[in-house]
Amino acid sequence: MGSIYIVFGTNLSYRRGLKGYSLRKLGEKCGINHAALSRMENGLMNVTLETLSKLATALDTTPDKLLTP
C-alpha cells in the first residue's frame, strides 16, 4: 500500500502507545477487531471514514492527526 497507509499506521500505533492501549483494548473501545487494527498499523488495510472517526475518538485525537506526517 502507499505511503499514506504507512503514515496512518505509524500515527495510529504512536497514539495508541500514548494512551497505553493494547490492540485488544483499543479494539474494545471502538468495536474493531484487534487483528484488523494490527493490519491498519502495518499499512496493510484500507480504513473507512467511519473507522477513522471511531479511532480518533477512542484515542482522544482528531482524524487529521492520524493522517498527517
PDB file of N, CA and C in Angstrom:
ATOM      1  N   MET A   1       0.844  -1.180   0.000  1.00  0.00           N
ATOM      2  CA  MET A   1       0.000   0.000   0.000  1.00  0.00           C
ATOM      3  C   MET A   1       0.888   1.241   0.000  1.00  0.00           C
ATOM      4  N   GLY A   2       0.283   2.374  -0.287  1.00  0.00           N
ATOM      5  CA  GLY A   2       1.029   3.618  -0.417  1.00  0.00           C
ATOM      6  C   GLY A   2       1.455   4.245   0.893  1.00  0.00           C
ATOM      7  N   SER A   3       2.154   5.333   0.768  1.00  0.00           N
ATOM      8  CA  SER A   3       2.748   5.977   1.939  1.00  0.00           C
ATOM      9  C   SER A   3       1.718   6.525   2.930  1.00  0.00           C
ATOM     10  N   ILE A   4       0.532   6.922   2.467  1.00  0.00           N
ATOM     11  CA  ILE A   4      -0.481   7.431   3.401  1.00  0.00           C
ATOM     12  C   ILE A   4      -0.868   6.341   4.403  1.00  0.00           C
ATOM     13  N   TYR A   5      -0.847   5.093   3.960  1.00  0.00           N
ATOM     14  CA  TYR A   5      -1.182   3.991   4.851  1.00  0.00           C
ATOM     15  C   TYR A   5      -0.087   3.787   5.896  1.00  0.00           C
ATOM     16  N   ILE A   6       1.159   3.992   5.494  1.00  0.00           N
ATOM     17  CA  ILE A   6       2.279   3.876   6.423  1.00  0.00           C
ATOM     18  C   ILE A   6       2.220   5.010   7.446  1.00  0.00           C
ATOM     19  N   VAL A   7       1.955   6.216   6.976  1.00  0.00           N
ATOM     20  CA  VAL A   7       1.829   7.367   7.877  1.00  0.00           C
ATOM     21  C   VAL A   7       0.690   7.127   8.868  1.00  0.00           C
ATOM     22  N   PHE A   8      -0.451   6.713   8.358  1.00  0.00           N
ATOM     23  CA  PHE A   8      -1.600   6.441   9.220  1.00  0.00           C
ATOM     24  C   PHE A   8      -1.262   5.361  10.250  1.00  0.00           C
ATOM     25  N   GLY A   9      -0.681   4.257   9.795  1.00  0.00           N
ATOM     26  CA  GLY A   9      -0.344   3.160  10.694  1.00  0.00           C
ATOM     27  C   GLY A   9       0.638   3.567  11.770  1.00  0.00           C
ATOM     28  N   THR A  10       1.636   4.348  11.386  1.00  0.00           N
ATOM     29  CA  THR A  10       2.628   4.837  12.353  1.00  0.00           C
ATOM     30  C   THR A  10       1.965   5.744  13.381  1.00  0.00           C
ATOM     31  N   ASN A  11       1.127   6.660  12.917  1.00  0.00           N
ATOM     32  CA  ASN A  11       0.426   7.565  13.834  1.00  0.00           C
ATOM     33  C   ASN A  11      -0.542   6.817  14.738  1.00  0.00           C
ATOM     34  N   LEU A  12      -1.228   5.834  14.190  1.00  0.00           N
ATOM     35  CA  LEU A  12      -2.162   5.033  14.984  1.00  0.00           C
ATOM     36  C   LEU A  12      -1.413   4.303  16.101  1.00  0.00           C
ATOM     37  N   SER A  13      -0.318   3.673  15.746  1.00  0.00           N
ATOM     38  CA  SER A  13       0.482   2.954  16.731  1.00  0.00           C
ATOM     39  C   SER A  13       1.025   3.909  17.805  1.00  0.00           C
ATOM     40  N   TYR A  14       1.523   5.049  17.380  1.00  0.00           N
ATOM     41  CA  TYR A  14       2.064   6.045  18.306  1.00  0.00           C
ATOM     42  C   TYR A  14       0.993   6.530  19.282  1.00  0.00           C
ATOM     43  N   ARG A  15      -0.149   6.920  18.755  1.00  0.00           N
ATOM     44  CA  ARG A  15      -1.225   7.443  19.608  1.00  0.00           C
ATOM     45  C   ARG A  15      -1.768   6.361  20.532  1.00  0.00           C
ATOM     46  N   ARG A  16      -1.833   5.133  20.049  1.00  0.00           N
ATOM     47  CA  ARG A  16      -2.276   4.016  20.896  1.00  0.00           C
ATOM     48  C   ARG A  16      -1.300   3.844  22.053  1.00  0.00           C
ATOM     49  N   GLY A  17      -0.008   3.945  21.763  1.00  0.00           N
ATOM     50  CA  GLY A  17       1.008   3.839  22.798  1.00  0.00           C
ATOM     51  C   GLY A  17       0.912   4.952  23.829  1.00  0.00           C
ATOM     52  N   LEU A  18       0.625   6.164  23.370  1.00  0.00           N
ATOM     53  CA  LEU A  18       0.473   7.280  24.299  1.00  0.00           C
ATOM     54  C   LEU A  18      -0.652   7.039  25.299  1.00  0.00           C
ATOM     55  N   LYS A  19      -1.706   6.377  24.841  1.00  0.00           N
ATOM     56  CA  LYS A  19      -2.836   6.079  25.722  1.00  0.00           C
ATOM     57  C   LYS A  19      -2.595   4.829  26.570  1.00  0.00           C
ATOM     58  N   GLY A  20      -1.557   4.067  26.224  1.00  0.00           N
ATOM     59  CA  GLY A  20      -1.276   2.842  26.962  1.00  0.00           C
ATOM     60  C   GLY A  20      -2.216   1.704  26.609  1.00  0.00           C
ATOM     61  N   TYR A  21      -2.800   1.755  25.417  1.00  0.00           N
ATOM     62  CA  TYR A  21      -3.757   0.740  24.996  1.00  0.00           C
ATOM     63  C   TYR A  21      -3.061  -0.386  24.237  1.00  0.00           C
ATOM     64  N   SER A  22      -3.461  -1.598  24.513  1.00  0.00           N
ATOM     65  CA  SER A  22      -3.070  -2.726  23.668  1.00  0.00           C
ATOM     66  C   SER A  22      -3.985  -2.696  22.438  1.00  0.00           C
ATOM     67  N   LEU A  23      -3.665  -3.518  21.451  1.00  0.00           N
ATOM     68  CA  LEU A  23      -4.551  -3.620  20.286  1.00  0.00           C
ATOM     69  C   LEU A  23      -5.942  -4.078  20.718  1.00  0.00           C
ATOM     70  N   ARG A  24      -5.980  -5.025  21.642  1.00  0.00           N
ATOM     71  CA  ARG A  24      -7.284  -5.521  22.113  1.00  0.00           C
ATOM     72  C   ARG A  24      -8.085  -4.422  22.823  1.00  0.00           C
ATOM     73  N   LYS A  25      -7.415  -3.655  23.676  1.00  0.00           N
ATOM     74  CA  LYS A  25      -8.097  -2.583  24.415  1.00  0.00           C
ATOM     75  C   LYS A  25      -8.669  -1.542  23.450  1.00  0.00           C
ATOM     76  N   LEU A  26      -7.858  -1.113  22.476  1.00  0.00           N
ATOM     77  CA  LEU A  26      -8.356  -0.147  21.504  1.00  0.00           C
ATOM     78  C   LEU A  26      -9.509  -0.748  20.706  1.00  0.00           C
ATOM     79  N   GLY A  27      -9.367  -2.000  20.327  1.00  0.00           N
ATOM     80  CA  GLY A  27     -10.439  -2.672  19.595  1.00  0.00           C
ATOM     81  C   GLY A  27     -11.749  -2.699  20.364  1.00  0.00           C
ATOM     82  N   GLU A  28     -11.657  -2.956  21.654  1.00  0.00           N
ATOM     83  CA  GLU A  28     -12.856  -2.970  22.502  1.00  0.00           C
ATOM     84  C   GLU A  28     -13.483  -1.587  22.577  1.00  0.00           C
ATOM     85  N   LYS A  29     -12.655  -0.556  22.648  1.00  0.00           N
ATOM     86  CA  LYS A  29     -13.164   0.813  22.777  1.00  0.00           C
ATOM     87  C   LYS A  29     -13.882   1.286  21.517  1.00  0.00           C
ATOM     88  N   CYS A  30     -13.464   0.795  20.353  1.00  0.00           N
ATOM     89  CA  CYS A  30     -14.073   1.311  19.121  1.00  0.00           C
ATOM     90  C   CYS A  30     -14.775   0.231  18.288  1.00  0.00           C
ATOM     91  N   GLY A  31     -14.850  -0.989  18.793  1.00  0.00           N
ATOM     92  CA  GLY A  31     -15.594  -2.036  18.100  1.00  0.00           C
ATOM     93  C   GLY A  31     -14.916  -2.544  16.835  1.00  0.00           C
ATOM     94  N   ILE A  32     -13.582  -2.602  16.864  1.00  0.00           N
ATOM     95  CA  ILE A  32     -12.816  -3.079  15.715  1.00  0.00           C
ATOM     96  C   ILE A  32     -11.956  -4.245  16.177  1.00  0.00           C
ATOM     97  N   ASN A  33     -11.936  -5.299  15.401  1.00  0.00           N
ATOM     98  CA  ASN A  33     -11.137  -6.477  15.715  1.00  0.00           C
ATOM     99  C   ASN A  33      -9.667  -6.116  15.841  1.00  0.00           C
ATOM    100  N   HIS A  34      -9.001  -6.668  16.854  1.00  0.00           N
ATOM    101  CA  HIS A  34      -7.584  -6.349  17.087  1.00  0.00           C
ATOM    102  C   HIS A  34      -6.689  -6.755  15.918  1.00  0.00           C
ATOM    103  N   ALA A  35      -7.055  -7.820  15.211  1.00  0.00           N
ATOM    104  CA  ALA A  35      -6.262  -8.243  14.048  1.00  0.00           C
ATOM    105  C   ALA A  35      -6.373  -7.210  12.923  1.00  0.00           C
ATOM    106  N   ALA A  36      -7.544  -6.637  12.753  1.00  0.00           N
ATOM    107  CA  ALA A  36      -7.727  -5.581  11.750  1.00  0.00           C
ATOM    108  C   ALA A  36      -6.908  -4.350  12.139  1.00  0.00           C
ATOM    109  N   LEU A  37      -6.886  -4.018  13.421  1.00  0.00           N
ATOM    110  CA  LEU A  37      -6.077  -2.889  13.886  1.00  0.00           C
ATOM    111  C   LEU A  37      -4.602  -3.120  13.603  1.00  0.00           C
ATOM    112  N   SER A  38      -4.150  -4.332  13.796  1.00  0.00           N
ATOM    113  CA  SER A  38      -2.752  -4.667  13.506  1.00  0.00           C
ATOM    114  C   SER A  38      -2.447  -4.459  12.027  1.00  0.00           C
ATOM    115  N   ARG A  39      -3.351  -4.901  11.165  1.00  0.00           N
ATOM    116  CA  ARG A  39      -3.161  -4.703   9.721  1.00  0.00           C
ATOM    117  C   ARG A  39      -3.155  -3.220   9.372  1.00  0.00           C
ATOM    118  N   MET A  40      -3.990  -2.431  10.030  1.00  0.00           N
ATOM    119  CA  MET A  40      -4.004  -0.982   9.804  1.00  0.00           C
ATOM    120  C   MET A  40      -2.661  -0.370  10.210  1.00  0.00           C
ATOM    121  N   GLU A  41      -2.158  -0.753  11.374  1.00  0.00           N
ATOM    122  CA  GLU A  41      -0.896  -0.205  11.860  1.00  0.00           C
ATOM    123  C   GLU A  41       0.274  -0.576  10.960  1.00  0.00           C
ATOM    124  N   ASN A  42       0.158  -1.688  10.275  1.00  0.00           N
ATOM    125  CA  ASN A  42       1.217  -2.133   9.380  1.00  0.00           C
ATOM    126  C   ASN A  42       0.997  -1.689   7.935  1.00  0.00           C
ATOM    127  N   GLY A  43      -0.006  -0.831   7.721  1.00  0.00           N
ATOM    128  CA  GLY A  43      -0.255  -0.289   6.387  1.00  0.00           C
ATOM    129  C   GLY A  43      -0.800  -1.296   5.407  1.00  0.00           C
ATOM    130  N   LEU A  44      -1.473  -2.308   5.900  1.00  0.00           N
ATOM    131  CA  LEU A  44      -1.951  -3.390   5.048  1.00  0.00           C
ATOM    132  C   LEU A  44      -3.459  -3.394   4.834  1.00  0.00           C
ATOM    133  N   MET A  45      -4.147  -2.388   5.360  1.00  0.00           N
ATOM    134  CA  MET A  45      -5.612  -2.392   5.283  1.00  0.00           C
ATOM    135  C   MET A  45      -6.139  -0.987   5.062  1.00  0.00           C
ATOM    136  N   ASN A  46      -7.103  -0.876   4.165  1.00  0.00           N
ATOM    137  CA  ASN A  46      -7.791   0.396   3.950  1.00  0.00           C
ATOM    138  C   ASN A  46      -8.649   0.723   5.167  1.00  0.00           C
ATOM    139  N   VAL A  47      -8.876   2.002   5.385  1.00  0.00           N
ATOM    140  CA  VAL A  47      -9.676   2.460   6.512  1.00  0.00           C
ATOM    141  C   VAL A  47     -10.802   3.342   5.988  1.00  0.00           C
ATOM    142  N   THR A  48     -12.008   3.076   6.435  1.00  0.00           N
ATOM    143  CA  THR A  48     -13.131   3.918   6.038  1.00  0.00           C
ATOM    144  C   THR A  48     -13.138   5.196   6.883  1.00  0.00           C
ATOM    145  N   LEU A  49     -13.868   6.183   6.432  1.00  0.00           N
ATOM    146  CA  LEU A  49     -14.002   7.412   7.211  1.00  0.00           C
ATOM    147  C   LEU A  49     -14.671   7.137   8.552  1.00  0.00           C
ATOM    148  N   GLU A  50     -15.606   6.228   8.565  1.00  0.00           N
ATOM    149  CA  GLU A  50     -16.281   5.873   9.815  1.00  0.00           C
ATOM    150  C   GLU A  50     -15.274   5.267  10.805  1.00  0.00           C
ATOM    151  N   THR A  51     -14.428   4.373  10.324  1.00  0.00           N
ATOM    152  CA  THR A  51     -13.409   3.758  11.172  1.00  0.00           C
ATOM    153  C   THR A  51     -12.405   4.798  11.647  1.00  0.00           C
ATOM    154  N   LEU A  52     -11.987   5.671  10.753  1.00  0.00           N
ATOM    155  CA  LEU A  52     -11.069   6.753  11.110  1.00  0.00           C
ATOM    156  C   LEU A  52     -11.652   7.593  12.238  1.00  0.00           C
ATOM    157  N   SER A  53     -12.918   7.923  12.136  1.00  0.00           N
ATOM    158  CA  SER A  53     -13.590   8.717  13.161  1.00  0.00           C
ATOM    159  C   SER A  53     -13.645   7.971  14.496  1.00  0.00           C
ATOM    160  N   LYS A  54     -13.982   6.685  14.466  1.00  0.00           N
ATOM    161  CA  LYS A  54     -14.039   5.885  15.691  1.00  0.00           C
ATOM    162  C   LYS A  54     -12.673   5.826  16.369  1.00  0.00           C
ATOM    163  N   LEU A  55     -11.626   5.619  15.576  1.00  0.00           N
ATOM    164  CA  LEU A  55     -10.280   5.531  16.130  1.00  0.00           C
ATOM    165  C   LEU A  55      -9.850   6.853  16.744  1.00  0.00           C
ATOM    166  N   ALA A  56     -10.114   7.938  16.037  1.00  0.00           N
ATOM    167  CA  ALA A  56      -9.740   9.258  16.552  1.00  0.00           C
ATOM    168  C   ALA A  56     -10.454   9.542  17.874  1.00  0.00           C
ATOM    169  N   THR A  57     -11.721   9.225  17.941  1.00  0.00           N
ATOM    170  CA  THR A  57     -12.487   9.433  19.167  1.00  0.00           C
ATOM    171  C   THR A  57     -11.932   8.589  20.307  1.00  0.00           C
ATOM    172  N   ALA A  58     -11.671   7.314  20.049  1.00  0.00           N
ATOM    173  CA  ALA A  58     -11.160   6.417  21.087  1.00  0.00           C
ATOM    174  C   ALA A  58      -9.782   6.850  21.584  1.00  0.00           C
ATOM    175  N   LEU A  59      -9.008   7.503  20.716  1.00  0.00           N
ATOM    176  CA  LEU A  59      -7.662   7.934  21.082  1.00  0.00           C
ATOM    177  C   LEU A  59      -7.604   9.404  21.509  1.00  0.00           C
ATOM    178  N   ASP A  60      -8.766  10.024  21.654  1.00  0.00           N
ATOM    179  CA  ASP A  60      -8.848  11.439  22.068  1.00  0.00           C
ATOM    180  C   ASP A  60      -8.014  12.343  21.169  1.00  0.00           C
ATOM    181  N   THR A  61      -8.166  12.155  19.875  1.00  0.00           N
ATOM    182  CA  THR A  61      -7.449  12.980  18.902  1.00  0.00           C
ATOM    183  C   THR A  61      -8.396  13.306  17.767  1.00  0.00           C
ATOM    184  N   THR A  62      -7.872  13.886  16.712  1.00  0.00           N
ATOM    185  CA  THR A  62      -8.679  14.215  15.540  1.00  0.00           C
ATOM    186  C   THR A  62      -8.197  13.383  14.353  1.00  0.00           C
ATOM    187  N   PRO A  63      -9.072  13.141  13.385  1.00  0.00           N
ATOM    188  CA  PRO A  63      -8.667  12.349  12.226  1.00  0.00           C
ATOM    189  C   PRO A  63      -7.426  12.895  11.517  1.00  0.00           C
ATOM    190  N   ASP A  64      -7.308  14.223  11.435  1.00  0.00           N
ATOM    191  CA  ASP A  64      -6.150  14.783  10.723  1.00  0.00           C
ATOM    192  C   ASP A  64      -4.830  14.438  11.415  1.00  0.00           C
ATOM    193  N   LYS A  65      -4.858  14.278  12.736  1.00  0.00           N
ATOM    194  CA  LYS A  65      -3.636  13.915  13.461  1.00  0.00           C
ATOM    195  C   LYS A  65      -3.198  12.477  13.128  1.00  0.00           C
ATOM    196  N   LEU A  66      -4.143  11.655  12.709  1.00  0.00           N
ATOM    197  CA  LEU A  66      -3.810  10.289  12.324  1.00  0.00           C
ATOM    198  C   LEU A  66      -3.341  10.199  10.877  1.00  0.00           C
ATOM    199  N   LEU A  67      -3.617  11.230  10.096  1.00  0.00           N
ATOM    200  CA  LEU A  67      -3.316  11.165   8.662  1.00  0.00           C
ATOM    201  C   LEU A  67      -2.107  11.991   8.218  1.00  0.00           C
ATOM    202  N   THR A  68      -1.640  12.889   9.063  1.00  0.00           N
ATOM    203  CA  THR A  68      -0.537  13.761   8.644  1.00  0.00           C
ATOM    204  C   THR A  68       0.785  13.315   9.257  1.00  0.00           C
ATOM    205  N   PRO A  69       1.863  13.434   8.461  1.00  0.00           N
ATOM    206  CA  PRO A  69       3.188  13.018   8.955  1.00  0.00           C
ATOM    207  C   PRO A  69       3.664  13.893  10.110  1.00  0.00           C
TER     208      PRO A  69
END
